[in-house]
């Protein structure tokens, strides 16, 4: 479980105009909902929250939001961040209440380790990360930060499918097809740009096809 703790205050007024005033004052609006309890409209410090948003586990781990006053501590997951399309600054955060034993499903980043030193890459191949994230189900207090895929020993043309990956204990990826997570594809040809694009796309598409059943 993450030890990330966010301080917040109860927000008495809502609405777009009030939210704009808050942002100008260095604050961010947010909401805590779910868990069979009333929704809580909250205010967060924009500077502190911005730093949290740069931490990967803030997006995938169980968090604690401490709301000043009688509202107390709230165990939550970050469910959504609304971003300004022009400035790319956060505009609003949604948190969902959970307990440690709840089974939750989150998109977890794939971490391809040892790719730079695997034979396929040293021979000129390229890593094709077909799935950048995996939809993982686990207890709320045991959500992994990443799903590690070891590329050591992979040659050009080798693929890693979901059934090849050993998931952390208690984690599951629900799937029917044995889909490709990553592949080492052949290097681009150098005849011309168009041909290079076609060659890479074909190699990636072939690698991404589900594994044939035995």
N, C-alpha and C. Protein backbone atom coordinates (compact mmCIF):
# COMPACT_ATOMS: atom_id res chain seq x y z
N UNK A 1 0.84 -1.21 0.00
CA UNK A 1 0.00 0.00 0.00
C UNK A 1 0.87 1.25 0.00
N UNK A 2 0.47 2.22 -0.77
CA UNK A 2 1.21 3.48 -0.82
C UNK A 2 1.10 4.22 0.50
N UNK A 3 2.15 4.97 0.83
CA UNK A 3 2.12 5.81 2.03
C UNK A 3 1.92 7.27 1.64
N UNK A 4 1.45 7.51 0.43
CA UNK A 4 1.21 8.88 -0.02
C UNK A 4 -0.01 9.44 0.69
N UNK A 5 0.16 10.58 1.32
CA UNK A 5 -0.91 11.23 2.08
C UNK A 5 -1.13 12.63 1.52
N UNK A 6 -2.37 12.93 1.18
CA UNK A 6 -2.71 14.23 0.62
C UNK A 6 -3.59 14.98 1.60
N UNK A 7 -3.23 16.23 1.87
CA UNK A 7 -4.05 17.07 2.73
C UNK A 7 -5.09 17.81 1.89
N UNK A 8 -6.28 17.93 2.43
CA UNK A 8 -7.36 18.61 1.72
C UNK A 8 -8.26 19.33 2.70
N UNK A 9 -9.07 20.23 2.18
CA UNK A 9 -10.07 20.93 2.98
C UNK A 9 -11.43 20.74 2.32
N UNK A 10 -12.47 20.79 3.14
CA UNK A 10 -13.82 20.66 2.61
C UNK A 10 -14.16 21.90 1.79
N UNK A 11 -14.77 21.68 0.63
CA UNK A 11 -15.15 22.78 -0.25
C UNK A 11 -16.64 23.03 -0.08
N UNK A 12 -16.96 24.19 0.43
CA UNK A 12 -18.36 24.51 0.75
C UNK A 12 -19.17 24.90 -0.48
N UNK A 13 -18.51 25.53 -1.46
CA UNK A 13 -19.23 25.98 -2.65
C UNK A 13 -18.65 25.29 -3.88
N UNK A 14 -19.51 25.05 -4.86
CA UNK A 14 -19.09 24.40 -6.09
C UNK A 14 -19.44 25.29 -7.28
N UNK A 15 -19.25 24.77 -8.48
CA UNK A 15 -19.56 25.55 -9.68
C UNK A 15 -18.31 26.02 -10.39
N UNK A 16 -18.46 26.31 -11.69
CA UNK A 16 -17.32 26.69 -12.52
C UNK A 16 -16.67 27.99 -12.08
N UNK A 17 -17.48 28.97 -11.72
CA UNK A 17 -16.93 30.26 -11.31
C UNK A 17 -16.08 30.12 -10.06
N UNK A 18 -16.58 29.35 -9.10
CA UNK A 18 -15.83 29.15 -7.87
C UNK A 18 -14.55 28.37 -8.14
N UNK A 19 -14.62 27.38 -9.04
CA UNK A 19 -13.44 26.59 -9.38
C UNK A 19 -12.36 27.47 -10.01
N UNK A 20 -12.76 28.41 -10.86
CA UNK A 20 -11.80 29.33 -11.47
C UNK A 20 -11.13 30.20 -10.43
N UNK A 21 -11.91 30.66 -9.45
CA UNK A 21 -11.34 31.49 -8.38
C UNK A 21 -10.34 30.67 -7.56
N UNK A 22 -10.67 29.43 -7.31
CA UNK A 22 -9.77 28.56 -6.55
C UNK A 22 -8.44 28.38 -7.27
N UNK A 23 -8.51 28.13 -8.57
CA UNK A 23 -7.27 27.90 -9.33
C UNK A 23 -6.40 29.15 -9.35
N UNK A 24 -7.04 30.31 -9.46
CA UNK A 24 -6.26 31.56 -9.43
C UNK A 24 -5.59 31.75 -8.08
N UNK A 25 -6.17 31.17 -7.04
CA UNK A 25 -5.62 31.28 -5.68
C UNK A 25 -4.66 30.14 -5.36
N UNK A 26 -4.30 29.34 -6.36
CA UNK A 26 -3.34 28.25 -6.14
C UNK A 26 -3.95 27.00 -5.54
N UNK A 27 -5.25 26.81 -5.74
CA UNK A 27 -5.93 25.63 -5.23
C UNK A 27 -6.56 24.84 -6.37
N UNK A 28 -6.84 23.58 -6.09
CA UNK A 28 -7.49 22.70 -7.08
C UNK A 28 -8.75 22.10 -6.49
N UNK A 29 -9.85 22.08 -7.24
CA UNK A 29 -11.05 21.39 -6.77
C UNK A 29 -10.91 19.88 -6.98
N UNK A 30 -11.59 19.14 -6.13
CA UNK A 30 -11.61 17.69 -6.26
C UNK A 30 -12.86 17.14 -5.62
N UNK A 31 -13.04 15.82 -5.75
CA UNK A 31 -14.19 15.17 -5.13
C UNK A 31 -13.80 13.77 -4.68
N UNK A 32 -14.36 13.35 -3.55
CA UNK A 32 -14.22 11.99 -3.05
C UNK A 32 -15.61 11.38 -3.08
N UNK A 33 -15.74 10.19 -3.70
CA UNK A 33 -17.07 9.58 -3.80
C UNK A 33 -16.95 8.07 -3.63
N UNK A 34 -18.12 7.42 -3.57
CA UNK A 34 -18.16 5.97 -3.48
C UNK A 34 -18.08 5.45 -2.05
N UNK A 35 -18.03 4.13 -1.93
CA UNK A 35 -17.92 3.50 -0.62
C UNK A 35 -19.16 3.59 0.22
N UNK A 36 -20.31 3.89 -0.41
CA UNK A 36 -21.56 3.98 0.33
C UNK A 36 -21.65 5.19 1.23
N UNK A 37 -20.82 6.18 1.00
CA UNK A 37 -20.82 7.40 1.81
C UNK A 37 -21.12 8.61 0.92
N UNK A 38 -21.53 9.73 1.53
CA UNK A 38 -21.82 10.93 0.74
C UNK A 38 -20.57 11.45 0.02
N UNK A 39 -20.80 12.07 -1.12
CA UNK A 39 -19.70 12.70 -1.84
C UNK A 39 -19.11 13.84 -1.01
N UNK A 40 -17.80 14.01 -1.13
CA UNK A 40 -17.12 15.12 -0.46
C UNK A 40 -16.46 16.00 -1.51
N UNK A 41 -16.90 17.24 -1.63
CA UNK A 41 -16.23 18.21 -2.49
C UNK A 41 -15.06 18.78 -1.70
N UNK A 42 -13.85 18.70 -2.26
CA UNK A 42 -12.66 19.09 -1.51
C UNK A 42 -11.83 20.10 -2.29
N UNK A 43 -10.90 20.73 -1.55
CA UNK A 43 -9.93 21.66 -2.11
C UNK A 43 -8.53 21.14 -1.82
N UNK A 44 -7.67 21.14 -2.84
CA UNK A 44 -6.30 20.66 -2.71
C UNK A 44 -5.32 21.78 -3.03
N UNK A 45 -4.14 21.73 -2.43
CA UNK A 45 -3.10 22.68 -2.77
C UNK A 45 -2.55 22.32 -4.16
N UNK A 46 -2.61 23.28 -5.09
CA UNK A 46 -2.24 23.00 -6.48
C UNK A 46 -0.76 22.63 -6.61
N UNK A 47 0.10 23.30 -5.90
CA UNK A 47 1.54 23.03 -6.01
C UNK A 47 1.87 21.64 -5.50
N UNK A 48 1.37 21.29 -4.31
CA UNK A 48 1.64 19.97 -3.75
C UNK A 48 1.04 18.86 -4.60
N UNK A 49 -0.18 19.10 -5.11
CA UNK A 49 -0.85 18.09 -5.93
C UNK A 49 -0.11 17.88 -7.24
N UNK A 50 0.41 18.98 -7.82
CA UNK A 50 1.18 18.86 -9.05
C UNK A 50 2.40 17.97 -8.87
N UNK A 51 3.06 18.07 -7.72
CA UNK A 51 4.21 17.21 -7.45
C UNK A 51 3.79 15.75 -7.31
N UNK A 52 2.65 15.51 -6.65
CA UNK A 52 2.14 14.15 -6.53
C UNK A 52 1.84 13.55 -7.90
N UNK A 53 1.29 14.35 -8.80
CA UNK A 53 0.90 13.85 -10.12
C UNK A 53 2.10 13.43 -10.95
N UNK A 54 3.30 13.87 -10.57
CA UNK A 54 4.52 13.45 -11.26
C UNK A 54 5.08 12.14 -10.72
N UNK A 55 4.44 11.60 -9.68
CA UNK A 55 4.87 10.33 -9.09
C UNK A 55 4.00 9.21 -9.65
N UNK A 56 4.63 8.22 -10.26
CA UNK A 56 3.88 7.17 -10.96
C UNK A 56 2.91 6.45 -10.04
N UNK A 57 3.35 6.12 -8.81
CA UNK A 57 2.50 5.34 -7.93
C UNK A 57 1.27 6.12 -7.45
N UNK A 58 1.29 7.44 -7.57
CA UNK A 58 0.13 8.25 -7.19
C UNK A 58 -1.07 7.88 -8.06
N UNK A 59 -0.81 7.42 -9.27
CA UNK A 59 -1.88 7.11 -10.22
C UNK A 59 -2.38 5.67 -10.09
N UNK A 60 -1.64 4.82 -9.39
CA UNK A 60 -2.00 3.39 -9.36
C UNK A 60 -2.11 2.80 -7.96
N UNK A 61 -1.82 3.58 -6.94
CA UNK A 61 -1.77 3.04 -5.58
C UNK A 61 -2.93 3.54 -4.72
N UNK A 62 -3.16 2.81 -3.64
CA UNK A 62 -4.12 3.24 -2.63
C UNK A 62 -3.53 4.44 -1.89
N UNK A 63 -4.30 5.50 -1.79
CA UNK A 63 -3.85 6.75 -1.20
C UNK A 63 -4.66 7.09 0.04
N UNK A 64 -4.18 8.09 0.77
CA UNK A 64 -4.93 8.59 1.92
C UNK A 64 -5.13 10.10 1.76
N UNK A 65 -6.39 10.50 1.71
CA UNK A 65 -6.71 11.93 1.66
C UNK A 65 -7.20 12.34 3.05
N UNK A 66 -6.49 13.26 3.67
CA UNK A 66 -6.87 13.76 5.00
C UNK A 66 -7.62 15.07 4.83
N UNK A 67 -8.91 15.03 5.11
CA UNK A 67 -9.75 16.22 5.00
C UNK A 67 -9.84 16.88 6.37
N UNK A 68 -9.44 18.13 6.45
CA UNK A 68 -9.44 18.83 7.74
C UNK A 68 -10.83 18.85 8.35
N UNK A 69 -10.85 18.73 9.66
CA UNK A 69 -12.13 18.75 10.37
C UNK A 69 -12.61 17.35 10.68
N UNK A 70 -13.90 17.19 10.81
CA UNK A 70 -14.48 15.92 11.24
C UNK A 70 -14.51 14.87 10.13
N UNK A 71 -14.21 15.26 8.90
CA UNK A 71 -14.26 14.31 7.79
C UNK A 71 -13.15 13.29 7.86
N UNK A 72 -12.00 13.65 8.45
CA UNK A 72 -10.94 12.70 8.73
C UNK A 72 -10.25 12.10 7.51
N UNK A 73 -9.80 10.84 7.69
CA UNK A 73 -9.02 10.16 6.67
C UNK A 73 -9.92 9.41 5.70
N UNK A 74 -9.50 9.39 4.44
CA UNK A 74 -10.23 8.68 3.40
C UNK A 74 -9.25 7.84 2.59
N UNK A 75 -9.44 6.52 2.58
CA UNK A 75 -8.63 5.64 1.74
C UNK A 75 -9.24 5.63 0.35
N UNK A 76 -8.44 6.00 -0.64
CA UNK A 76 -8.99 6.24 -1.98
C UNK A 76 -8.04 5.74 -3.06
N UNK A 77 -8.57 5.69 -4.29
CA UNK A 77 -7.77 5.56 -5.51
C UNK A 77 -8.04 6.79 -6.36
N UNK A 78 -7.03 7.26 -7.05
CA UNK A 78 -7.21 8.35 -8.00
C UNK A 78 -7.89 7.77 -9.24
N UNK A 79 -9.09 8.24 -9.53
CA UNK A 79 -9.85 7.69 -10.65
C UNK A 79 -9.76 8.54 -11.91
N UNK A 80 -9.60 9.85 -11.76
CA UNK A 80 -9.58 10.68 -12.96
C UNK A 80 -8.93 12.03 -12.66
N UNK A 81 -8.21 12.53 -13.65
CA UNK A 81 -7.65 13.88 -13.59
C UNK A 81 -8.11 14.62 -14.83
N UNK A 82 -8.73 15.77 -14.64
CA UNK A 82 -9.11 16.61 -15.78
C UNK A 82 -7.99 17.62 -16.01
N UNK A 83 -7.52 17.68 -17.26
CA UNK A 83 -6.39 18.54 -17.60
C UNK A 83 -6.84 19.69 -18.50
N UNK A 84 -6.18 20.83 -18.37
CA UNK A 84 -6.43 21.95 -19.26
C UNK A 84 -5.81 21.62 -20.62
N UNK A 85 -6.60 21.70 -21.67
CA UNK A 85 -6.13 21.31 -23.00
C UNK A 85 -5.07 22.26 -23.56
N UNK A 86 -4.97 23.46 -23.02
CA UNK A 86 -4.01 24.44 -23.52
C UNK A 86 -2.75 24.46 -22.66
N UNK A 87 -2.91 24.59 -21.35
CA UNK A 87 -1.76 24.70 -20.46
C UNK A 87 -1.25 23.36 -19.97
N UNK A 88 -2.07 22.31 -20.11
CA UNK A 88 -1.75 20.96 -19.63
C UNK A 88 -1.61 20.93 -18.10
N UNK A 89 -2.26 21.88 -17.43
CA UNK A 89 -2.28 21.88 -15.97
C UNK A 89 -3.50 21.10 -15.47
N UNK A 90 -3.39 20.48 -14.28
CA UNK A 90 -4.56 19.77 -13.74
C UNK A 90 -5.67 20.75 -13.39
N UNK A 91 -6.90 20.32 -13.62
CA UNK A 91 -8.06 21.18 -13.37
C UNK A 91 -8.95 20.64 -12.25
N UNK A 92 -9.03 19.32 -12.13
CA UNK A 92 -9.94 18.70 -11.17
C UNK A 92 -9.51 17.25 -10.96
N UNK A 93 -9.61 16.75 -9.72
CA UNK A 93 -9.25 15.38 -9.41
C UNK A 93 -10.43 14.63 -8.80
N UNK A 94 -10.63 13.40 -9.25
CA UNK A 94 -11.67 12.52 -8.71
C UNK A 94 -11.01 11.38 -7.95
N UNK A 95 -11.46 11.16 -6.71
CA UNK A 95 -10.96 10.06 -5.89
C UNK A 95 -12.12 9.13 -5.54
N UNK A 96 -11.85 7.81 -5.56
CA UNK A 96 -12.88 6.82 -5.26
C UNK A 96 -12.50 6.08 -3.98
N UNK A 97 -13.44 6.03 -3.01
CA UNK A 97 -13.15 5.38 -1.74
C UNK A 97 -13.02 3.86 -1.91
N UNK A 98 -12.02 3.29 -1.23
CA UNK A 98 -11.83 1.84 -1.24
C UNK A 98 -11.38 1.40 0.15
N UNK A 99 -11.55 0.11 0.42
CA UNK A 99 -10.95 -0.49 1.61
C UNK A 99 -9.85 -1.44 1.16
N UNK A 100 -8.99 -1.83 2.08
CA UNK A 100 -7.82 -2.64 1.72
C UNK A 100 -8.20 -3.93 1.02
N UNK A 101 -9.32 -4.53 1.41
CA UNK A 101 -9.69 -5.84 0.87
C UNK A 101 -10.49 -5.76 -0.43
N UNK A 102 -10.85 -4.57 -0.87
CA UNK A 102 -11.61 -4.43 -2.12
C UNK A 102 -10.77 -4.91 -3.31
N UNK A 103 -11.41 -5.62 -4.24
CA UNK A 103 -10.76 -5.99 -5.48
C UNK A 103 -11.02 -4.88 -6.49
N UNK A 104 -9.94 -4.32 -7.00
CA UNK A 104 -10.05 -3.20 -7.94
C UNK A 104 -9.33 -3.55 -9.24
N UNK A 105 -9.68 -2.85 -10.29
CA UNK A 105 -9.04 -3.04 -11.59
C UNK A 105 -8.43 -1.72 -12.03
N UNK A 106 -7.13 -1.77 -12.33
CA UNK A 106 -6.40 -0.56 -12.70
C UNK A 106 -5.55 -0.83 -13.94
N UNK A 107 -5.29 0.21 -14.71
CA UNK A 107 -4.33 0.12 -15.82
C UNK A 107 -2.94 0.35 -15.25
N UNK A 108 -2.09 -0.70 -15.33
CA UNK A 108 -0.76 -0.66 -14.74
C UNK A 108 0.29 -0.62 -15.86
N UNK A 109 1.27 0.29 -15.77
CA UNK A 109 2.29 0.40 -16.82
C UNK A 109 3.13 -0.87 -16.94
N UNK A 110 3.52 -1.18 -18.17
CA UNK A 110 4.43 -2.29 -18.43
C UNK A 110 5.86 -1.75 -18.39
N UNK A 111 6.73 -2.43 -17.65
CA UNK A 111 8.13 -2.04 -17.52
C UNK A 111 9.00 -3.11 -18.16
N UNK A 112 9.49 -2.83 -19.37
CA UNK A 112 10.33 -3.78 -20.10
C UNK A 112 11.78 -3.61 -19.65
N UNK A 113 12.28 -4.56 -18.84
CA UNK A 113 13.64 -4.46 -18.32
C UNK A 113 14.60 -5.28 -19.19
N UNK A 114 15.87 -4.91 -19.15
CA UNK A 114 16.94 -5.61 -19.88
C UNK A 114 16.74 -5.59 -21.39
N UNK A 115 15.96 -4.67 -21.89
CA UNK A 115 15.74 -4.63 -23.35
C UNK A 115 16.98 -4.11 -24.09
N UNK A 116 17.66 -3.14 -23.50
CA UNK A 116 18.82 -2.55 -24.19
C UNK A 116 19.95 -3.55 -24.41
N UNK A 117 20.03 -4.56 -23.54
CA UNK A 117 21.14 -5.51 -23.62
C UNK A 117 20.75 -6.86 -24.20
N UNK A 118 19.50 -7.03 -24.59
CA UNK A 118 19.09 -8.34 -25.13
C UNK A 118 19.67 -8.52 -26.53
N UNK A 119 19.91 -9.76 -26.97
CA UNK A 119 20.54 -10.00 -28.28
C UNK A 119 19.83 -9.32 -29.44
N UNK A 120 18.50 -9.34 -29.43
CA UNK A 120 17.76 -8.76 -30.54
C UNK A 120 18.02 -7.28 -30.73
N UNK A 121 18.16 -6.55 -29.62
CA UNK A 121 18.43 -5.11 -29.70
C UNK A 121 19.88 -4.85 -30.08
N UNK A 122 20.81 -5.59 -29.49
CA UNK A 122 22.23 -5.37 -29.80
C UNK A 122 22.54 -5.73 -31.25
N UNK A 123 21.70 -6.57 -31.87
CA UNK A 123 21.88 -6.93 -33.28
C UNK A 123 21.15 -5.97 -34.22
N UNK A 124 20.56 -4.92 -33.67
CA UNK A 124 19.94 -3.90 -34.50
C UNK A 124 18.43 -3.91 -34.52
N UNK A 125 17.80 -4.84 -33.79
CA UNK A 125 16.35 -4.88 -33.73
C UNK A 125 15.78 -3.76 -32.89
N UNK A 126 14.46 -3.69 -32.86
CA UNK A 126 13.78 -2.63 -32.11
C UNK A 126 12.74 -3.25 -31.18
N UNK A 127 12.57 -2.61 -30.03
CA UNK A 127 11.54 -3.03 -29.10
C UNK A 127 10.20 -2.46 -29.54
N UNK A 128 9.22 -3.30 -29.75
CA UNK A 128 7.86 -2.87 -30.05
C UNK A 128 6.99 -3.17 -28.83
N UNK A 129 6.68 -2.12 -28.06
CA UNK A 129 5.84 -2.29 -26.88
C UNK A 129 4.39 -2.19 -27.33
N UNK A 130 3.77 -3.35 -27.54
CA UNK A 130 2.42 -3.41 -28.07
C UNK A 130 1.41 -2.96 -27.02
N UNK A 131 1.62 -3.34 -25.77
CA UNK A 131 0.74 -2.93 -24.67
C UNK A 131 1.56 -2.11 -23.69
N UNK A 132 1.28 -0.82 -23.63
CA UNK A 132 1.99 0.05 -22.68
C UNK A 132 1.45 -0.13 -21.27
N UNK A 133 0.20 -0.53 -21.14
CA UNK A 133 -0.41 -0.81 -19.84
C UNK A 133 -1.17 -2.12 -19.92
N UNK A 134 -1.41 -2.72 -18.76
CA UNK A 134 -2.24 -3.92 -18.65
C UNK A 134 -3.33 -3.65 -17.63
N UNK A 135 -4.53 -4.15 -17.90
CA UNK A 135 -5.66 -3.99 -16.98
C UNK A 135 -5.58 -5.09 -15.92
N UNK A 136 -5.12 -4.71 -14.74
CA UNK A 136 -4.81 -5.67 -13.68
C UNK A 136 -5.83 -5.58 -12.55
N UNK A 137 -6.30 -6.74 -12.09
CA UNK A 137 -7.20 -6.81 -10.93
C UNK A 137 -6.41 -7.32 -9.73
N UNK A 138 -6.58 -6.65 -8.60
CA UNK A 138 -5.89 -7.06 -7.37
C UNK A 138 -6.58 -6.41 -6.18
N UNK A 139 -6.15 -6.78 -4.98
CA UNK A 139 -6.63 -6.08 -3.79
C UNK A 139 -6.15 -4.64 -3.84
N UNK A 140 -6.95 -3.75 -3.27
CA UNK A 140 -6.61 -2.33 -3.32
C UNK A 140 -5.30 -2.02 -2.62
N UNK A 141 -4.94 -2.82 -1.62
CA UNK A 141 -3.70 -2.56 -0.89
C UNK A 141 -2.51 -3.31 -1.47
N UNK A 142 -2.69 -3.95 -2.62
CA UNK A 142 -1.59 -4.71 -3.24
C UNK A 142 -1.47 -4.42 -4.73
N UNK A 143 -1.82 -3.22 -5.14
CA UNK A 143 -1.73 -2.85 -6.55
C UNK A 143 -0.25 -2.66 -6.90
N UNK A 144 0.25 -3.37 -7.91
CA UNK A 144 1.67 -3.19 -8.28
C UNK A 144 1.89 -1.84 -8.97
N UNK A 145 3.09 -1.27 -8.79
CA UNK A 145 3.41 -0.02 -9.46
C UNK A 145 3.58 -0.24 -10.96
N UNK A 146 4.19 -1.37 -11.33
CA UNK A 146 4.41 -1.71 -12.73
C UNK A 146 4.28 -3.23 -12.89
N UNK A 147 4.11 -3.67 -14.14
CA UNK A 147 4.20 -5.08 -14.47
C UNK A 147 5.53 -5.26 -15.19
N UNK A 148 6.45 -5.97 -14.56
CA UNK A 148 7.80 -6.12 -15.09
C UNK A 148 7.84 -7.26 -16.12
N UNK A 149 8.39 -6.95 -17.29
CA UNK A 149 8.60 -7.95 -18.34
C UNK A 149 10.10 -7.99 -18.64
N UNK A 150 10.73 -9.15 -18.40
CA UNK A 150 12.17 -9.30 -18.58
C UNK A 150 12.47 -9.67 -20.04
N UNK A 151 13.21 -8.81 -20.72
CA UNK A 151 13.54 -9.03 -22.13
C UNK A 151 14.88 -9.74 -22.32
N UNK A 152 15.55 -10.10 -21.24
CA UNK A 152 16.86 -10.74 -21.35
C UNK A 152 16.77 -11.98 -22.23
N UNK A 153 17.68 -12.10 -23.18
CA UNK A 153 17.74 -13.28 -24.03
C UNK A 153 16.86 -13.23 -25.26
N UNK A 154 16.05 -12.20 -25.43
CA UNK A 154 15.15 -12.14 -26.58
C UNK A 154 15.92 -11.85 -27.86
N UNK A 155 15.56 -12.58 -28.92
CA UNK A 155 16.15 -12.40 -30.24
C UNK A 155 15.17 -11.64 -31.14
N UNK A 156 15.66 -11.21 -32.30
CA UNK A 156 14.78 -10.58 -33.28
C UNK A 156 13.69 -11.58 -33.68
N UNK A 157 12.45 -11.13 -33.64
CA UNK A 157 11.33 -12.00 -33.97
C UNK A 157 10.66 -12.62 -32.75
N UNK A 158 11.31 -12.53 -31.59
CA UNK A 158 10.71 -13.09 -30.36
C UNK A 158 9.60 -12.18 -29.86
N UNK A 159 8.61 -12.79 -29.25
CA UNK A 159 7.49 -12.05 -28.66
C UNK A 159 7.23 -12.52 -27.25
N UNK A 160 6.67 -11.63 -26.45
CA UNK A 160 6.20 -11.98 -25.11
C UNK A 160 4.70 -11.79 -25.09
N UNK A 161 3.97 -12.87 -24.80
CA UNK A 161 2.52 -12.82 -24.70
C UNK A 161 2.11 -12.75 -23.24
N UNK A 162 0.86 -12.43 -23.00
CA UNK A 162 0.39 -12.27 -21.62
C UNK A 162 0.57 -13.54 -20.80
N UNK A 163 0.41 -14.71 -21.43
CA UNK A 163 0.59 -15.96 -20.68
C UNK A 163 2.03 -16.25 -20.34
N UNK A 164 2.97 -15.51 -20.94
CA UNK A 164 4.39 -15.70 -20.64
C UNK A 164 4.82 -14.92 -19.40
N UNK A 165 3.97 -14.02 -18.93
CA UNK A 165 4.35 -13.10 -17.86
C UNK A 165 3.91 -13.65 -16.50
N UNK A 166 4.83 -13.66 -15.56
CA UNK A 166 4.51 -14.03 -14.19
C UNK A 166 4.06 -12.76 -13.46
N UNK A 167 2.78 -12.71 -13.15
CA UNK A 167 2.22 -11.52 -12.49
C UNK A 167 2.52 -11.56 -11.00
N UNK A 168 2.54 -10.40 -10.35
CA UNK A 168 2.72 -10.37 -8.90
C UNK A 168 1.62 -11.19 -8.21
N UNK A 169 1.95 -11.73 -7.06
CA UNK A 169 0.99 -12.57 -6.33
C UNK A 169 -0.30 -11.79 -6.05
N UNK A 170 -1.43 -12.45 -6.33
CA UNK A 170 -2.72 -11.84 -6.09
C UNK A 170 -3.23 -10.99 -7.23
N UNK A 171 -2.43 -10.86 -8.31
CA UNK A 171 -2.83 -10.04 -9.45
C UNK A 171 -3.33 -10.94 -10.60
N UNK A 172 -4.24 -10.41 -11.38
CA UNK A 172 -4.78 -11.16 -12.50
C UNK A 172 -5.09 -10.21 -13.65
N UNK A 173 -4.81 -10.67 -14.87
CA UNK A 173 -5.20 -9.95 -16.08
C UNK A 173 -6.23 -10.83 -16.78
N UNK A 174 -7.48 -10.42 -16.77
CA UNK A 174 -8.54 -11.20 -17.40
C UNK A 174 -8.40 -11.10 -18.92
N UNK A 175 -8.31 -12.25 -19.58
CA UNK A 175 -8.16 -12.23 -21.03
C UNK A 175 -8.63 -13.57 -21.61
N UNK A 176 -9.06 -13.51 -22.85
CA UNK A 176 -9.44 -14.71 -23.58
C UNK A 176 -8.35 -15.10 -24.57
N UNK A 177 -7.91 -14.14 -25.41
CA UNK A 177 -6.82 -14.40 -26.34
C UNK A 177 -5.48 -14.18 -25.64
N UNK A 178 -4.49 -14.98 -26.03
CA UNK A 178 -3.14 -14.84 -25.48
C UNK A 178 -2.42 -13.73 -26.24
N UNK A 179 -2.78 -12.48 -25.93
CA UNK A 179 -2.31 -11.35 -26.72
C UNK A 179 -0.84 -11.02 -26.48
N UNK A 180 -0.25 -10.35 -27.47
CA UNK A 180 1.14 -9.94 -27.39
C UNK A 180 1.29 -8.69 -26.53
N UNK A 181 2.29 -8.70 -25.66
CA UNK A 181 2.59 -7.53 -24.84
C UNK A 181 3.74 -6.74 -25.46
N UNK A 182 4.78 -7.44 -25.90
CA UNK A 182 5.89 -6.77 -26.57
C UNK A 182 6.56 -7.73 -27.54
N UNK A 183 7.38 -7.17 -28.42
CA UNK A 183 8.10 -7.97 -29.40
C UNK A 183 9.41 -7.28 -29.76
N UNK A 184 10.37 -8.07 -30.22
CA UNK A 184 11.60 -7.53 -30.79
C UNK A 184 11.48 -7.69 -32.30
N UNK A 185 11.38 -6.58 -33.00
CA UNK A 185 11.14 -6.61 -34.45
C UNK A 185 12.41 -6.30 -35.21
N UNK A 186 12.43 -6.72 -36.47
CA UNK A 186 13.60 -6.53 -37.32
C UNK A 186 13.87 -5.05 -37.54
N UNK A 187 15.13 -4.68 -37.79
CA UNK A 187 15.46 -3.26 -38.04
C UNK A 187 14.83 -2.79 -39.34
N UNK A 188 14.68 -1.48 -39.46
CA UNK A 188 14.14 -0.89 -40.67
C UNK A 188 15.08 -1.11 -41.85
N UNK A 189 14.49 -1.23 -43.03
CA UNK A 189 15.30 -1.23 -44.23
C UNK A 189 15.66 0.21 -44.56
N UNK A 190 16.63 0.40 -45.46
CA UNK A 190 17.11 1.76 -45.74
C UNK A 190 16.89 2.15 -47.20
N UNK A 191 15.98 1.48 -47.89
CA UNK A 191 15.75 1.79 -49.30
C UNK A 191 15.10 3.14 -49.47
N UNK A 192 13.96 3.33 -48.79
CA UNK A 192 13.32 4.65 -48.80
C UNK A 192 12.37 4.74 -47.62
N UNK A 193 11.93 5.96 -47.33
CA UNK A 193 11.13 6.20 -46.13
C UNK A 193 9.83 5.43 -46.16
N UNK A 194 9.16 5.40 -47.32
CA UNK A 194 7.86 4.72 -47.40
C UNK A 194 8.03 3.24 -47.14
N UNK A 195 9.08 2.67 -47.74
CA UNK A 195 9.30 1.24 -47.58
C UNK A 195 9.64 0.92 -46.14
N UNK A 196 10.39 1.82 -45.50
CA UNK A 196 10.76 1.60 -44.10
C UNK A 196 9.52 1.55 -43.23
N UNK A 197 8.59 2.49 -43.45
CA UNK A 197 7.36 2.53 -42.65
C UNK A 197 6.56 1.27 -42.83
N UNK A 198 6.42 0.80 -44.07
CA UNK A 198 5.64 -0.39 -44.33
C UNK A 198 6.27 -1.61 -43.69
N UNK A 199 7.61 -1.73 -43.78
CA UNK A 199 8.30 -2.88 -43.21
C UNK A 199 8.10 -2.94 -41.71
N UNK A 200 8.25 -1.80 -41.03
CA UNK A 200 8.10 -1.78 -39.58
C UNK A 200 6.67 -2.09 -39.17
N UNK A 201 5.69 -1.50 -39.88
CA UNK A 201 4.29 -1.75 -39.54
C UNK A 201 3.93 -3.21 -39.71
N UNK A 202 4.43 -3.83 -40.81
CA UNK A 202 4.13 -5.24 -41.04
C UNK A 202 4.75 -6.12 -39.97
N UNK A 203 6.00 -5.80 -39.59
CA UNK A 203 6.68 -6.59 -38.57
C UNK A 203 5.97 -6.48 -37.24
N UNK A 204 5.56 -5.27 -36.90
CA UNK A 204 4.85 -5.06 -35.63
C UNK A 204 3.51 -5.75 -35.63
N UNK A 205 2.77 -5.65 -36.75
CA UNK A 205 1.46 -6.29 -36.84
C UNK A 205 1.59 -7.80 -36.71
N UNK A 206 2.62 -8.36 -37.36
CA UNK A 206 2.81 -9.81 -37.28
C UNK A 206 3.15 -10.23 -35.87
N UNK A 207 3.99 -9.44 -35.19
CA UNK A 207 4.37 -9.77 -33.81
C UNK A 207 3.20 -9.63 -32.87
N UNK A 208 2.25 -8.71 -33.17
CA UNK A 208 1.15 -8.43 -32.27
C UNK A 208 0.02 -9.45 -32.38
N UNK A 209 0.08 -10.33 -33.37
CA UNK A 209 -0.99 -11.33 -33.53
C UNK A 209 -1.01 -12.26 -32.34
N UNK A 210 -2.20 -12.70 -31.85
CA UNK A 210 -2.28 -13.61 -30.72
C UNK A 210 -1.52 -14.90 -31.01
N UNK A 211 -0.96 -15.48 -29.96
CA UNK A 211 -0.21 -16.71 -30.11
C UNK A 211 -1.14 -17.83 -30.55
N UNK A 212 -0.68 -18.67 -31.47
CA UNK A 212 -1.50 -19.79 -31.94
C UNK A 212 -1.64 -20.83 -30.85
N UNK A 213 -2.84 -21.39 -30.72
CA UNK A 213 -3.06 -22.42 -29.71
C UNK A 213 -2.41 -23.73 -30.15
N UNK A 214 -1.87 -24.45 -29.19
CA UNK A 214 -1.22 -25.72 -29.50
C UNK A 214 -2.27 -26.77 -29.88
